Amino acid sequence: MSTPPTVQIAIPTALRSFAGGAARVAVQGHTVAEALQRLTTDHAGLEKHLRGPDGKLRSFVNIYLGDEDIRFLPDKEGTALTEGAELIIVPSIAGGAA
């Protein structure tokens, strides 16, 4: 198997303390799922914030590949990555005026 591409993952401010304070983390992965697995292997504290007990991405966590929400891509987490791609973690924020 070929060497996986290196991609950048943008970490939101609320989760940076679980990634050593980093705003961006470089990881390798052939797919979105592999890159996220590497991220949570390297920064274990992120796991509970990104995935539920069933191992699936939490409903309030959105992952973008560039400007595409992976939920709307045909292969979702199985989407292939290319060298230099950017994944962005965007947690949904609830609230508003009552």
Protein backbone atom coordinates (compact mmCIF):
# COMPACT_ATOMS: atom_id res chain seq x y z
CA MET A 1 0.00 0.00 0.00
CA SER A 2 1.25 3.48 -0.80
CA THR A 3 2.25 6.05 1.79
CA PRO A 4 -0.87 7.90 2.94
CA PRO A 5 -1.12 11.58 2.05
CA THR A 6 -0.45 14.18 4.72
CA VAL A 7 -3.43 16.40 5.43
CA GLN A 8 -4.07 19.31 7.77
CA ILE A 9 -6.91 19.18 10.29
CA ALA A 10 -8.15 22.53 11.62
CA ILE A 11 -9.04 22.23 15.31
CA PRO A 12 -11.73 24.57 16.67
CA THR A 13 -10.82 26.77 19.62
CA ALA A 14 -13.05 24.82 22.01
CA LEU A 15 -11.11 21.58 21.33
CA ARG A 16 -7.55 22.87 21.07
CA SER A 17 -6.72 22.03 24.68
CA PHE A 18 -7.23 18.36 23.73
CA ALA A 19 -4.77 18.74 20.83
CA GLY A 20 -1.89 20.28 22.75
CA GLY A 21 -3.18 23.79 22.03
CA ALA A 22 -2.69 23.38 18.28
CA ALA A 23 -4.96 25.20 15.83
CA ARG A 24 -3.91 22.78 13.07
CA VAL A 25 -2.58 19.24 13.19
CA ALA A 26 -0.89 17.38 10.34
CA VAL A 27 -1.82 13.70 10.04
CA GLN A 28 -1.61 10.99 7.41
CA GLY A 29 -4.55 9.04 6.05
CA HIS A 30 -5.86 7.63 2.80
CA THR A 31 -9.45 8.53 3.81
CA VAL A 32 -11.23 10.98 6.07
CA ALA A 33 -11.85 8.11 8.54
CA GLU A 34 -8.14 7.20 8.63
CA ALA A 35 -7.10 10.82 9.17
CA LEU A 36 -9.59 11.24 12.02
CA GLN A 37 -8.43 7.96 13.55
CA ARG A 38 -4.82 9.15 13.44
CA LEU A 39 -5.87 12.46 15.00
CA THR A 40 -7.61 10.74 17.91
CA THR A 41 -4.78 8.24 18.31
CA ASP A 42 -2.26 11.07 18.56
CA HIS A 43 -4.59 13.23 20.71
CA ALA A 44 -6.72 10.74 22.65
CA GLY A 45 -8.62 13.46 24.52
CA LEU A 46 -10.38 14.41 21.29
CA GLU A 47 -12.02 11.01 20.86
CA LYS A 48 -14.90 11.56 23.29
CA HIS A 49 -15.63 14.97 21.77
CA LEU A 50 -15.75 13.67 18.19
CA ARG A 51 -17.28 10.19 18.52
CA GLY A 52 -20.02 8.67 20.62
CA PRO A 53 -19.80 5.33 22.46
CA ASP A 54 -20.90 3.62 19.22
CA GLY A 55 -17.80 4.95 17.44
CA LYS A 56 -19.80 7.16 15.08
CA LEU A 57 -19.21 10.88 14.67
CA ARG A 58 -21.37 12.79 17.11
CA SER A 59 -24.36 14.47 15.45
CA PHE A 60 -23.18 17.92 16.49
CA VAL A 61 -19.71 17.49 14.96
CA ASN A 62 -19.42 18.55 11.33
CA ILE A 63 -16.36 17.62 9.30
CA TYR A 64 -15.56 19.53 6.15
CA LEU A 65 -13.13 18.51 3.42
CA GLY A 66 -12.28 21.91 2.06
CA ASP A 67 -15.70 23.51 1.73
CA GLU A 68 -17.64 20.23 1.42
CA ASP A 69 -19.50 18.77 4.40
CA ILE A 70 -18.50 15.08 4.34
CA ARG A 71 -22.06 14.05 5.25
CA PHE A 72 -23.08 15.04 1.73
CA LEU A 73 -20.18 13.37 -0.09
CA PRO A 74 -20.93 9.97 -1.66
CA ASP A 75 -18.35 8.09 0.45
CA LYS A 76 -18.74 10.22 3.61
CA GLU A 77 -15.88 9.20 6.00
CA GLY A 78 -14.59 6.84 3.32
CA THR A 79 -13.79 9.78 1.04
CA ALA A 80 -10.25 9.56 -0.32
CA LEU A 81 -7.79 12.29 0.63
CA THR A 82 -5.06 13.88 -1.44
CA GLU A 83 -1.75 15.36 -0.31
CA GLY A 84 -2.27 18.76 1.31
CA ALA A 85 -6.05 18.42 1.74
CA GLU A 86 -7.64 20.26 4.64
CA LEU A 87 -10.19 18.83 7.04
CA ILE A 88 -12.03 21.26 9.27
CA ILE A 89 -13.82 20.25 12.47
CA VAL A 90 -16.85 22.45 13.10
CA PRO A 91 -18.85 21.71 16.24
CA SER A 92 -22.46 22.87 16.07
CA ILE A 93 -23.32 25.56 18.58
CA ALA A 94 -26.78 25.64 20.10
CA GLY A 95 -28.40 28.60 21.72
CA GLY A 96 -29.96 31.91 20.94
CA ALA A 97 -32.35 34.42 22.42
CA ALA A 98 -35.28 33.08 24.38
